[in-house]
PDB file of N, CA and C in Angstrom:
ATOM      1  N   MET A   1      23.971  -2.048  14.150  1.00  0.00           N
ATOM      2  CA  MET A   1      23.220  -0.981  13.450  1.00  0.00           C
ATOM      3  C   MET A   1      22.783  -1.550  12.109  1.00  0.00           C
ATOM      4  N   VAL A   2      21.537  -1.347  11.805  1.00  0.00           N
ATOM      5  CA  VAL A   2      20.884  -1.837  10.547  1.00  0.00           C
ATOM      6  C   VAL A   2      21.273  -0.849   9.437  1.00  0.00           C
ATOM      7  N   ASP A   3      21.791  -1.390   8.296  1.00  0.00           N
ATOM      8  CA  ASP A   3      22.099  -0.641   7.121  1.00  0.00           C
ATOM      9  C   ASP A   3      20.801  -0.221   6.363  1.00  0.00           C
ATOM     10  N   TYR A   4      20.881   0.866   5.694  1.00  0.00           N
ATOM     11  CA  TYR A   4      19.695   1.348   4.934  1.00  0.00           C
ATOM     12  C   TYR A   4      19.331   0.453   3.767  1.00  0.00           C
ATOM     13  N   THR A   5      20.265  -0.347   3.237  1.00  0.00           N
ATOM     14  CA  THR A   5      19.894  -1.179   2.134  1.00  0.00           C
ATOM     15  C   THR A   5      18.892  -2.310   2.582  1.00  0.00           C
ATOM     16  N   TYR A   6      18.898  -2.680   3.813  1.00  0.00           N
ATOM     17  CA  TYR A   6      17.931  -3.677   4.236  1.00  0.00           C
ATOM     18  C   TYR A   6      16.484  -3.134   4.229  1.00  0.00           C
ATOM     19  N   TYR A   7      16.388  -1.802   4.616  1.00  0.00           N
ATOM     20  CA  TYR A   7      15.130  -1.144   4.483  1.00  0.00           C
ATOM     21  C   TYR A   7      14.623  -1.160   3.015  1.00  0.00           C
ATOM     22  N   LEU A   8      15.549  -0.761   2.108  1.00  0.00           N
ATOM     23  CA  LEU A   8      15.162  -0.687   0.674  1.00  0.00           C
ATOM     24  C   LEU A   8      14.806  -2.039   0.123  1.00  0.00           C
ATOM     25  N   LEU A   9      15.516  -3.103   0.526  1.00  0.00           N
ATOM     26  CA  LEU A   9      15.288  -4.404   0.017  1.00  0.00           C
ATOM     27  C   LEU A   9      13.909  -4.931   0.504  1.00  0.00           C
ATOM     28  N   ILE A  10      13.681  -4.832   1.799  1.00  0.00           N
ATOM     29  CA  ILE A  10      12.401  -5.265   2.355  1.00  0.00           C
ATOM     30  C   ILE A  10      11.250  -4.454   1.769  1.00  0.00           C
ATOM     31  N   GLY A  11      11.396  -3.120   1.577  1.00  0.00           N
ATOM     32  CA  GLY A  11      10.377  -2.311   0.986  1.00  0.00           C
ATOM     33  C   GLY A  11      10.112  -2.729  -0.415  1.00  0.00           C
ATOM     34  N   ALA A  12      11.095  -3.044  -1.203  1.00  0.00           N
ATOM     35  CA  ALA A  12      10.875  -3.482  -2.598  1.00  0.00           C
ATOM     36  C   ALA A  12      10.198  -4.874  -2.620  1.00  0.00           C
ATOM     37  N   VAL A  13      10.543  -5.737  -1.724  1.00  0.00           N
ATOM     38  CA  VAL A  13       9.949  -7.092  -1.669  1.00  0.00           C
ATOM     39  C   VAL A  13       8.414  -6.893  -1.341  1.00  0.00           C
ATOM     40  N   LEU A  14       8.102  -6.031  -0.335  1.00  0.00           N
ATOM     41  CA  LEU A  14       6.745  -5.786  -0.018  1.00  0.00           C
ATOM     42  C   LEU A  14       5.933  -5.218  -1.222  1.00  0.00           C
ATOM     43  N   PHE A  15       6.567  -4.297  -1.850  1.00  0.00           N
ATOM     44  CA  PHE A  15       5.893  -3.716  -3.053  1.00  0.00           C
ATOM     45  C   PHE A  15       5.618  -4.707  -4.157  1.00  0.00           C
ATOM     46  N   VAL A  16       6.643  -5.542  -4.463  1.00  0.00           N
ATOM     47  CA  VAL A  16       6.481  -6.558  -5.482  1.00  0.00           C
ATOM     48  C   VAL A  16       5.448  -7.594  -5.108  1.00  0.00           C
ATOM     49  N   LEU A  17       5.413  -8.035  -3.821  1.00  0.00           N
ATOM     50  CA  LEU A  17       4.395  -8.983  -3.367  1.00  0.00           C
ATOM     51  C   LEU A  17       3.009  -8.367  -3.508  1.00  0.00           C
ATOM     52  N   GLY A  18       2.837  -7.147  -3.173  1.00  0.00           N
ATOM     53  CA  GLY A  18       1.596  -6.473  -3.267  1.00  0.00           C
ATOM     54  C   GLY A  18       1.183  -6.312  -4.735  1.00  0.00           C
ATOM     55  N   LEU A  19       2.072  -5.992  -5.573  1.00  0.00           N
ATOM     56  CA  LEU A  19       1.787  -5.897  -7.006  1.00  0.00           C
ATOM     57  C   LEU A  19       1.354  -7.157  -7.624  1.00  0.00           C
ATOM     58  N   VAL A  20       2.078  -8.263  -7.293  1.00  0.00           N
ATOM     59  CA  VAL A  20       1.681  -9.573  -7.793  1.00  0.00           C
ATOM     60  C   VAL A  20       0.331 -10.000  -7.269  1.00  0.00           C
ATOM     61  N   GLY A  21       0.000  -9.764  -5.993  1.00  0.00           N
ATOM     62  CA  GLY A  21      -1.306 -10.080  -5.444  1.00  0.00           C
ATOM     63  C   GLY A  21      -2.360  -9.222  -6.085  1.00  0.00           C
ATOM     64  N   PHE A  22      -2.084  -7.925  -6.346  1.00  0.00           N
ATOM     65  CA  PHE A  22      -3.041  -7.029  -6.932  1.00  0.00           C
ATOM     66  C   PHE A  22      -3.436  -7.542  -8.354  1.00  0.00           C
ATOM     67  N   VAL A  23      -2.443  -7.982  -9.109  1.00  0.00           N
ATOM     68  CA  VAL A  23      -2.635  -8.408 -10.481  1.00  0.00           C
ATOM     69  C   VAL A  23      -3.349  -9.794 -10.539  1.00  0.00           C
ATOM     70  N   THR A  24      -3.016 -10.678  -9.618  1.00  0.00           N
ATOM     71  CA  THR A  24      -3.504 -12.077  -9.776  1.00  0.00           C
ATOM     72  C   THR A  24      -4.813 -12.336  -9.013  1.00  0.00           C
ATOM     73  N   ARG A  25      -5.135 -11.552  -8.037  1.00  0.00           N
ATOM     74  CA  ARG A  25      -6.340 -11.848  -7.188  1.00  0.00           C
ATOM     75  C   ARG A  25      -7.621 -11.367  -7.841  1.00  0.00           C
ATOM     76  N   ARG A  26      -8.727 -12.059  -7.502  1.00  0.00           N
ATOM     77  CA  ARG A  26     -10.074 -11.633  -8.027  1.00  0.00           C
ATOM     78  C   ARG A  26     -10.939 -11.107  -6.913  1.00  0.00           C
ATOM     79  N   ASN A  27     -10.644 -11.456  -5.710  1.00  0.00           N
ATOM     80  CA  ASN A  27     -11.436 -11.004  -4.616  1.00  0.00           C
ATOM     81  C   ASN A  27     -11.141  -9.573  -4.199  1.00  0.00           C
ATOM     82  N   LEU A  28     -12.167  -8.743  -4.075  1.00  0.00           N
ATOM     83  CA  LEU A  28     -11.979  -7.280  -3.840  1.00  0.00           C
ATOM     84  C   LEU A  28     -11.196  -7.010  -2.507  1.00  0.00           C
ATOM     85  N   ILE A  29     -11.508  -7.787  -1.471  1.00  0.00           N
ATOM     86  CA  ILE A  29     -10.851  -7.555  -0.244  1.00  0.00           C
ATOM     87  C   ILE A  29      -9.324  -7.832  -0.353  1.00  0.00           C
ATOM     88  N   MET A  30      -8.974  -8.908  -1.044  1.00  0.00           N
ATOM     89  CA  MET A  30      -7.542  -9.243  -1.251  1.00  0.00           C
ATOM     90  C   MET A  30      -6.880  -8.168  -2.123  1.00  0.00           C
ATOM     91  N   ILE A  31      -7.566  -7.619  -3.062  1.00  0.00           N
ATOM     92  CA  ILE A  31      -7.075  -6.597  -3.993  1.00  0.00           C
ATOM     93  C   ILE A  31      -6.736  -5.351  -3.084  1.00  0.00           C
ATOM     94  N   PHE A  32      -7.620  -4.977  -2.204  1.00  0.00           N
ATOM     95  CA  PHE A  32      -7.352  -3.815  -1.360  1.00  0.00           C
ATOM     96  C   PHE A  32      -6.261  -4.083  -0.359  1.00  0.00           C
ATOM     97  N   LEU A  33      -6.180  -5.321   0.149  1.00  0.00           N
ATOM     98  CA  LEU A  33      -5.050  -5.608   1.056  1.00  0.00           C
ATOM     99  C   LEU A  33      -3.745  -5.573   0.348  1.00  0.00           C
ATOM    100  N   CYS A  34      -3.720  -6.014  -0.888  1.00  0.00           N
ATOM    101  CA  CYS A  34      -2.487  -5.914  -1.683  1.00  0.00           C
ATOM    102  C   CYS A  34      -2.118  -4.463  -2.008  1.00  0.00           C
ATOM    103  N   THR A  35      -3.092  -3.597  -2.187  1.00  0.00           N
ATOM    104  CA  THR A  35      -2.841  -2.197  -2.359  1.00  0.00           C
ATOM    105  C   THR A  35      -2.173  -1.633  -1.058  1.00  0.00           C
ATOM    106  N   GLU A  36      -2.654  -1.986   0.055  1.00  0.00           N
ATOM    107  CA  GLU A  36      -2.067  -1.549   1.332  1.00  0.00           C
ATOM    108  C   GLU A  36      -0.638  -2.044   1.500  1.00  0.00           C
ATOM    109  N   LEU A  37      -0.429  -3.303   1.052  1.00  0.00           N
ATOM    110  CA  LEU A  37       0.937  -3.828   1.151  1.00  0.00           C
ATOM    111  C   LEU A  37       1.880  -3.052   0.236  1.00  0.00           C
ATOM    112  N   MET A  38       1.416  -2.643  -0.925  1.00  0.00           N
ATOM    113  CA  MET A  38       2.275  -1.800  -1.786  1.00  0.00           C
ATOM    114  C   MET A  38       2.581  -0.480  -1.119  1.00  0.00           C
ATOM    115  N   LEU A  39       1.564   0.157  -0.512  1.00  0.00           N
ATOM    116  CA  LEU A  39       1.778   1.388   0.143  1.00  0.00           C
ATOM    117  C   LEU A  39       2.817   1.265   1.327  1.00  0.00           C
ATOM    118  N   GLN A  40       2.704   0.205   2.056  1.00  0.00           N
ATOM    119  CA  GLN A  40       3.640  -0.032   3.145  1.00  0.00           C
ATOM    120  C   GLN A  40       5.077  -0.227   2.632  1.00  0.00           C
ATOM    121  N   GLY A  41       5.196  -0.872   1.485  1.00  0.00           N
ATOM    122  CA  GLY A  41       6.544  -0.983   0.847  1.00  0.00           C
ATOM    123  C   GLY A  41       7.091   0.332   0.464  1.00  0.00           C
ATOM    124  N   VAL A  42       6.267   1.231  -0.079  1.00  0.00           N
ATOM    125  CA  VAL A  42       6.691   2.584  -0.502  1.00  0.00           C
ATOM    126  C   VAL A  42       7.126   3.351   0.801  1.00  0.00           C
ATOM    127  N   ILE A  43       6.296   3.224   1.860  1.00  0.00           N
ATOM    128  CA  ILE A  43       6.652   3.926   3.044  1.00  0.00           C
ATOM    129  C   ILE A  43       8.014   3.449   3.651  1.00  0.00           C
ATOM    130  N   LEU A  44       8.223   2.145   3.620  1.00  0.00           N
ATOM    131  CA  LEU A  44       9.491   1.629   4.094  1.00  0.00           C
ATOM    132  C   LEU A  44      10.665   2.103   3.245  1.00  0.00           C
ATOM    133  N   ASN A  45      10.442   2.200   1.882  1.00  0.00           N
ATOM    134  CA  ASN A  45      11.495   2.747   1.035  1.00  0.00           C
ATOM    135  C   ASN A  45      11.790   4.203   1.314  1.00  0.00           C
ATOM    136  N   LEU A  46      10.726   5.004   1.628  1.00  0.00           N
ATOM    137  CA  LEU A  46      10.965   6.419   2.029  1.00  0.00           C
ATOM    138  C   LEU A  46      11.823   6.527   3.243  1.00  0.00           C
ATOM    139  N   VAL A  47      11.534   5.689   4.268  1.00  0.00           N
ATOM    140  CA  VAL A  47      12.354   5.751   5.452  1.00  0.00           C
ATOM    141  C   VAL A  47      13.793   5.282   5.170  1.00  0.00           C
ATOM    142  N   GLY A  48      13.938   4.260   4.334  1.00  0.00           N
ATOM    143  CA  GLY A  48      15.294   3.804   3.983  1.00  0.00           C
ATOM    144  C   GLY A  48      16.068   4.905   3.203  1.00  0.00           C
ATOM    145  N   PHE A  49      15.405   5.569   2.280  1.00  0.00           N
ATOM    146  CA  PHE A  49      16.137   6.648   1.549  1.00  0.00           C
ATOM    147  C   PHE A  49      16.426   7.829   2.445  1.00  0.00           C
ATOM    148  N   ASN A  50      15.585   8.112   3.322  1.00  0.00           N
ATOM    149  CA  ASN A  50      15.823   9.194   4.334  1.00  0.00           C
ATOM    150  C   ASN A  50      17.034   8.837   5.236  1.00  0.00           C
ATOM    151  N   ARG A  51      17.123   7.539   5.596  1.00  0.00           N
ATOM    152  CA  ARG A  51      18.251   7.152   6.421  1.00  0.00           C
ATOM    153  C   ARG A  51      19.588   7.260   5.606  1.00  0.00           C
ATOM    154  N   TYR A  52      19.481   6.966   4.364  1.00  0.00           N
ATOM    155  CA  TYR A  52      20.705   7.108   3.527  1.00  0.00           C
ATOM    156  C   TYR A  52      21.133   8.557   3.474  1.00  0.00           C
ATOM    157  N   TRP A  53      20.150   9.506   3.328  1.00  0.00           N
ATOM    158  CA  TRP A  53      20.538  10.908   3.190  1.00  0.00           C
ATOM    159  C   TRP A  53      20.960  11.438   4.555  1.00  0.00           C
ATOM    160  N   LEU A  54      20.414  10.864   5.654  1.00  0.00           N
ATOM    161  CA  LEU A  54      20.911  11.308   6.988  1.00  0.00           C
ATOM    162  C   LEU A  54      22.346  10.919   7.220  1.00  0.00           C
ATOM    163  N   LEU A  55      22.689   9.711   6.803  1.00  0.00           N
ATOM    164  CA  LEU A  55      24.068   9.236   6.981  1.00  0.00           C
ATOM    165  C   LEU A  55      25.091   9.969   6.092  1.00  0.00           C
ATOM    166  N   ASN A  56      24.622  10.419   4.907  1.00  0.00           N
ATOM    167  CA  ASN A  56      25.568  11.046   3.998  1.00  0.00           C
ATOM    168  C   ASN A  56      25.605  12.609   3.961  1.00  0.00           C
ATOM    169  N   ASN A  57      24.399  13.165   4.177  1.00  0.00           N
ATOM    170  CA  ASN A  57      24.331  14.596   3.994  1.00  0.00           C
ATOM    171  C   ASN A  57      23.814  15.375   5.226  1.00  0.00           C
ATOM    172  N   ALA A  58      23.516  14.654   6.211  1.00  0.00           N
ATOM    173  CA  ALA A  58      22.931  15.237   7.465  1.00  0.00           C
ATOM    174  C   ALA A  58      21.679  16.062   7.128  1.00  0.00           C
ATOM    175  N   ALA A  59      20.780  15.487   6.396  1.00  0.00           N
ATOM    176  CA  ALA A  59      19.539  16.178   6.032  1.00  0.00           C
ATOM    177  C   ALA A  59      18.561  16.057   7.233  1.00  0.00           C
ATOM    178  N   GLY A  60      17.342  16.595   7.006  1.00  0.00           N
ATOM    179  CA  GLY A  60      16.384  16.543   8.050  1.00  0.00           C
ATOM    180  C   GLY A  60      15.592  15.251   8.018  1.00  0.00           C
ATOM    181  N   LEU A  61      14.443  15.290   8.616  1.00  0.00           N
ATOM    182  CA  LEU A  61      13.618  14.102   8.752  1.00  0.00           C
ATOM    183  C   LEU A  61      12.381  14.136   7.880  1.00  0.00           C
ATOM    184  N   GLU A  62      12.542  14.682   6.598  1.00  0.00           N
ATOM    185  CA  GLU A  62      11.510  14.849   5.703  1.00  0.00           C
ATOM    186  C   GLU A  62      10.911  13.460   5.338  1.00  0.00           C
ATOM    187  N   GLY A  63      11.729  12.425   5.173  1.00  0.00           N
ATOM    188  CA  GLY A  63      11.271  11.120   4.788  1.00  0.00           C
ATOM    189  C   GLY A  63      10.311  10.497   5.826  1.00  0.00           C
ATOM    190  N   GLN A  64      10.672  10.683   7.102  1.00  0.00           N
ATOM    191  CA  GLN A  64       9.779  10.129   8.119  1.00  0.00           C
ATOM    192  C   GLN A  64       8.456  10.958   8.221  1.00  0.00           C
ATOM    193  N   ALA A  65       8.584  12.252   8.037  1.00  0.00           N
ATOM    194  CA  ALA A  65       7.345  13.075   8.056  1.00  0.00           C
ATOM    195  C   ALA A  65       6.435  12.740   6.923  1.00  0.00           C
ATOM    196  N   PHE A  66       7.011  12.515   5.699  1.00  0.00           N
ATOM    197  CA  PHE A  66       6.190  12.153   4.583  1.00  0.00           C
ATOM    198  C   PHE A  66       5.610  10.768   4.778  1.00  0.00           C
ATOM    199  N   SER A  67       6.373   9.824   5.381  1.00  0.00           N
ATOM    200  CA  SER A  67       5.895   8.523   5.571  1.00  0.00           C
ATOM    201  C   SER A  67       4.679   8.471   6.594  1.00  0.00           C
ATOM    202  N   ILE A  68       4.720   9.356   7.548  1.00  0.00           N
ATOM    203  CA  ILE A  68       3.529   9.415   8.491  1.00  0.00           C
ATOM    204  C   ILE A  68       2.344   9.960   7.750  1.00  0.00           C
ATOM    205  N   PHE A  69       2.534  10.912   6.883  1.00  0.00           N
ATOM    206  CA  PHE A  69       1.485  11.440   6.046  1.00  0.00           C
ATOM    207  C   PHE A  69       0.908  10.304   5.149  1.00  0.00           C
ATOM    208  N   LEU A  70       1.764   9.506   4.575  1.00  0.00           N
ATOM    209  CA  LEU A  70       1.265   8.376   3.723  1.00  0.00           C
ATOM    210  C   LEU A  70       0.504   7.357   4.524  1.00  0.00           C
ATOM    211  N   MET A  71       0.920   7.151   5.774  1.00  0.00           N
ATOM    212  CA  MET A  71       0.162   6.176   6.665  1.00  0.00           C
ATOM    213  C   MET A  71      -1.246   6.702   6.909  1.00  0.00           C
ATOM    214  N   VAL A  72      -1.386   8.019   7.072  1.00  0.00           N
ATOM    215  CA  VAL A  72      -2.730   8.568   7.273  1.00  0.00           C
ATOM    216  C   VAL A  72      -3.542   8.433   6.043  1.00  0.00           C
ATOM    217  N   VAL A  73      -2.961   8.637   4.851  1.00  0.00           N
ATOM    218  CA  VAL A  73      -3.648   8.429   3.613  1.00  0.00           C
ATOM    219  C   VAL A  73      -4.021   7.019   3.421  1.00  0.00           C
ATOM    220  N   ALA A  74      -3.140   6.067   3.795  1.00  0.00           N
ATOM    221  CA  ALA A  74      -3.442   4.660   3.651  1.00  0.00           C
ATOM    222  C   ALA A  74      -4.580   4.191   4.555  1.00  0.00           C
ATOM    223  N   ALA A  75      -4.630   4.799   5.751  1.00  0.00           N
ATOM    224  CA  ALA A  75      -5.744   4.451   6.685  1.00  0.00           C
ATOM    225  C   ALA A  75      -7.075   5.038   6.085  1.00  0.00           C
ATOM    226  N   ALA A  76      -7.060   6.197   5.577  1.00  0.00           N
ATOM    227  CA  ALA A  76      -8.290   6.709   4.951  1.00  0.00           C
ATOM    228  C   ALA A  76      -8.698   5.938   3.763  1.00  0.00           C
ATOM    229  N   GLU A  77      -7.746   5.520   2.938  1.00  0.00           N
ATOM    230  CA  GLU A  77      -8.004   4.717   1.779  1.00  0.00           C
ATOM    231  C   GLU A  77      -8.633   3.356   2.217  1.00  0.00           C
ATOM    232  N   ALA A  78      -8.107   2.757   3.294  1.00  0.00           N
ATOM    233  CA  ALA A  78      -8.618   1.498   3.753  1.00  0.00           C
ATOM    234  C   ALA A  78     -10.009   1.600   4.241  1.00  0.00           C
ATOM    235  N   ALA A  79     -10.359   2.665   4.931  1.00  0.00           N
ATOM    236  CA  ALA A  79     -11.730   2.911   5.393  1.00  0.00           C
ATOM    237  C   ALA A  79     -12.708   3.138   4.281  1.00  0.00           C
ATOM    238  N   LEU A  80     -12.334   3.889   3.243  1.00  0.00           N
ATOM    239  CA  LEU A  80     -13.159   4.094   2.103  1.00  0.00           C
ATOM    240  C   LEU A  80     -13.330   2.829   1.271  1.00  0.00           C
ATOM    241  N   ALA A  81     -12.250   2.050   1.150  1.00  0.00           N
ATOM    242  CA  ALA A  81     -12.309   0.789   0.379  1.00  0.00           C
ATOM    243  C   ALA A  81     -13.169  -0.221   1.071  1.00  0.00           C
ATOM    244  N   MET A  82     -13.122  -0.315   2.429  1.00  0.00           N
ATOM    245  CA  MET A  82     -13.976  -1.244   3.109  1.00  0.00           C
ATOM    246  C   MET A  82     -15.447  -0.886   2.982  1.00  0.00           C
ATOM    247  N   ALA A  83     -15.693   0.424   3.040  1.00  0.00           N
ATOM    248  CA  ALA A  83     -17.118   0.862   2.867  1.00  0.00           C
ATOM    249  C   ALA A  83     -17.559   0.570   1.459  1.00  0.00           C
ATOM    250  N   LEU A  84     -16.750   0.736   0.455  1.00  0.00           N
ATOM    251  CA  LEU A  84     -17.113   0.351  -0.939  1.00  0.00           C
ATOM    252  C   LEU A  84     -17.331  -1.119  -1.064  1.00  0.00           C
ATOM    253  N   VAL A  85     -16.479  -1.877  -0.450  1.00  0.00           N
ATOM    254  CA  VAL A  85     -16.642  -3.369  -0.540  1.00  0.00           C
ATOM    255  C   VAL A  85     -17.943  -3.824   0.073  1.00  0.00           C
ATOM    256  N   MET A  86     -18.314  -3.190   1.184  1.00  0.00           N
ATOM    257  CA  MET A  86     -19.600  -3.579   1.840  1.00  0.00           C
ATOM    258  C   MET A  86     -20.753  -3.202   1.011  1.00  0.00           C
ATOM    259  N   VAL A  87     -20.757  -2.019   0.321  1.00  0.00           N
ATOM    260  CA  VAL A  87     -21.839  -1.668  -0.574  1.00  0.00           C
ATOM    261  C   VAL A  87     -21.912  -2.585  -1.771  1.00  0.00           C
ATOM    262  N   LEU A  88     -20.793  -2.936  -2.351  1.00  0.00           N
ATOM    263  CA  LEU A  88     -20.816  -3.813  -3.448  1.00  0.00           C
ATOM    264  C   LEU A  88     -21.195  -5.240  -3.072  1.00  0.00           C
ATOM    265  N   GLN A  89     -20.831  -5.700  -1.917  1.00  0.00           N
ATOM    266  CA  GLN A  89     -21.237  -7.004  -1.412  1.00  0.00           C
ATOM    267  C   GLN A  89     -22.755  -7.055  -1.300  1.00  0.00           C
ATOM    268  N   ARG A  90     -23.379  -6.036  -0.745  1.00  0.00           N
ATOM    269  CA  ARG A  90     -24.810  -5.932  -0.543  1.00  0.00           C
ATOM    270  C   ARG A  90     -25.535  -5.884  -1.882  1.00  0.00           C
ATOM    271  N   ARG A  91     -24.955  -5.234  -2.802  1.00  0.00           N
ATOM    272  CA  ARG A  91     -25.616  -4.993  -4.123  1.00  0.00           C
ATOM    273  C   ARG A  91     -25.561  -6.237  -4.992  1.00  0.00           C
ATOM    274  N   ARG A  92     -24.453  -6.941  -5.071  1.00  0.00           N
ATOM    275  CA  ARG A  92     -24.274  -8.076  -5.988  1.00  0.00           C
ATOM    276  C   ARG A  92     -24.146  -9.422  -5.305  1.00  0.00           C
ATOM    277  N   ASP A  93     -23.987  -9.460  -3.977  1.00  0.00           N
ATOM    278  CA  ASP A  93     -23.801 -10.632  -3.174  1.00  0.00           C
ATOM    279  C   ASP A  93     -22.575 -11.442  -3.575  1.00  0.00           C
ATOM    280  N   THR A  94     -21.548 -10.790  -4.031  1.00  0.00           N
ATOM    281  CA  THR A  94     -20.261 -11.402  -4.386  1.00  0.00           C
ATOM    282  C   THR A  94     -19.184 -10.364  -4.224  1.00  0.00           C
ATOM    283  N   LEU A  95     -17.967 -10.830  -4.064  1.00  0.00           N
ATOM    284  CA  LEU A  95     -16.784  -9.992  -4.028  1.00  0.00           C
ATOM    285  C   LEU A  95     -15.874 -10.252  -5.134  1.00  0.00           C
ATOM    286  N   ASP A  96     -16.279 -10.967  -6.178  1.00  0.00           N
ATOM    287  CA  ASP A  96     -15.501 -11.237  -7.365  1.00  0.00           C
ATOM    288  C   ASP A  96     -15.433  -9.979  -8.181  1.00  0.00           C
ATOM    289  N   ALA A  97     -14.171  -9.585  -8.540  1.00  0.00           N
ATOM    290  CA  ALA A  97     -14.011  -8.347  -9.262  1.00  0.00           C
ATOM    291  C   ALA A  97     -14.624  -8.430 -10.667  1.00  0.00           C
ATOM    292  N   GLY A  98     -14.665  -9.593 -11.273  1.00  0.00           N
ATOM    293  CA  GLY A  98     -15.242  -9.741 -12.558  1.00  0.00           C
ATOM    294  C   GLY A  98     -16.773  -9.466 -12.637  1.00  0.00           C
ATOM    295  N   ALA A  99     -17.422  -9.713 -11.533  1.00  0.00           N
ATOM    296  CA  ALA A  99     -18.841  -9.481 -11.479  1.00  0.00           C
ATOM    297  C   ALA A  99     -19.238  -8.011 -11.555  1.00  0.00           C
ATOM    298  N   PHE A 100     -18.319  -7.152 -11.244  1.00  0.00           N
ATOM    299  CA  PHE A 100     -18.611  -5.721 -11.194  1.00  0.00           C
ATOM    300  C   PHE A 100     -18.215  -5.033 -12.543  1.00  0.00           C
ATOM    301  N   ALA A 101     -17.754  -5.854 -13.521  1.00  0.00           N
ATOM    302  CA  ALA A 101     -17.333  -5.190 -14.824  1.00  0.00           C
ATOM    303  C   ALA A 101     -18.611  -4.794 -15.636  1.00  0.00           C
ATOM    304  N   GLN A 102     -19.798  -5.438 -15.293  1.00  0.00           N
ATOM    305  CA  GLN A 102     -20.946  -5.111 -16.050  1.00  0.00           C
ATOM    306  C   GLN A 102     -21.743  -3.987 -15.480  1.00  0.00           C
ATOM    307  N   MET A 103     -21.341  -3.446 -14.327  1.00  0.00           N
ATOM    308  CA  MET A 103     -22.088  -2.421 -13.673  1.00  0.00           C
ATOM    309  C   MET A 103     -22.049  -1.095 -14.477  1.00  0.00           C
ATOM    310  N   LYS A 104     -23.198  -0.521 -14.617  1.00  0.00           N
ATOM    311  CA  LYS A 104     -23.285   0.739 -15.447  1.00  0.00           C
ATOM    312  C   LYS A 104     -23.909   1.822 -14.561  1.00  0.00           C
ATOM    313  N   GLY A 105     -23.454   3.066 -14.692  1.00  0.00           N
ATOM    314  CA  GLY A 105     -23.832   4.229 -13.933  1.00  0.00           C
ATOM    315  C   GLY A 105     -25.145   4.380 -13.546  1.00  0.00           C
TER     316      GLY A 105
END
């Protein structure tokens, strides 16, 4: 049986890797992928914390239900982000995040 601390450790590692990639990357697609990685780390931590509460307090499955909701939000965010990336690619012919700093309303 897998202990809940493994869930929390892997979720924290996923979140930190996503955060480092988000801060260091310049390509918009990589930035959005790192955002998704951070969201997946948060979802895994929710499941891990819910497993901890199930083992100690016999609580319900609220962590799993909320994680499914977050997966739906992450999928919608990915679809909107890819649409935005396609529009920006057509407008400036680059995906470098620095090139979009000069854009004005």
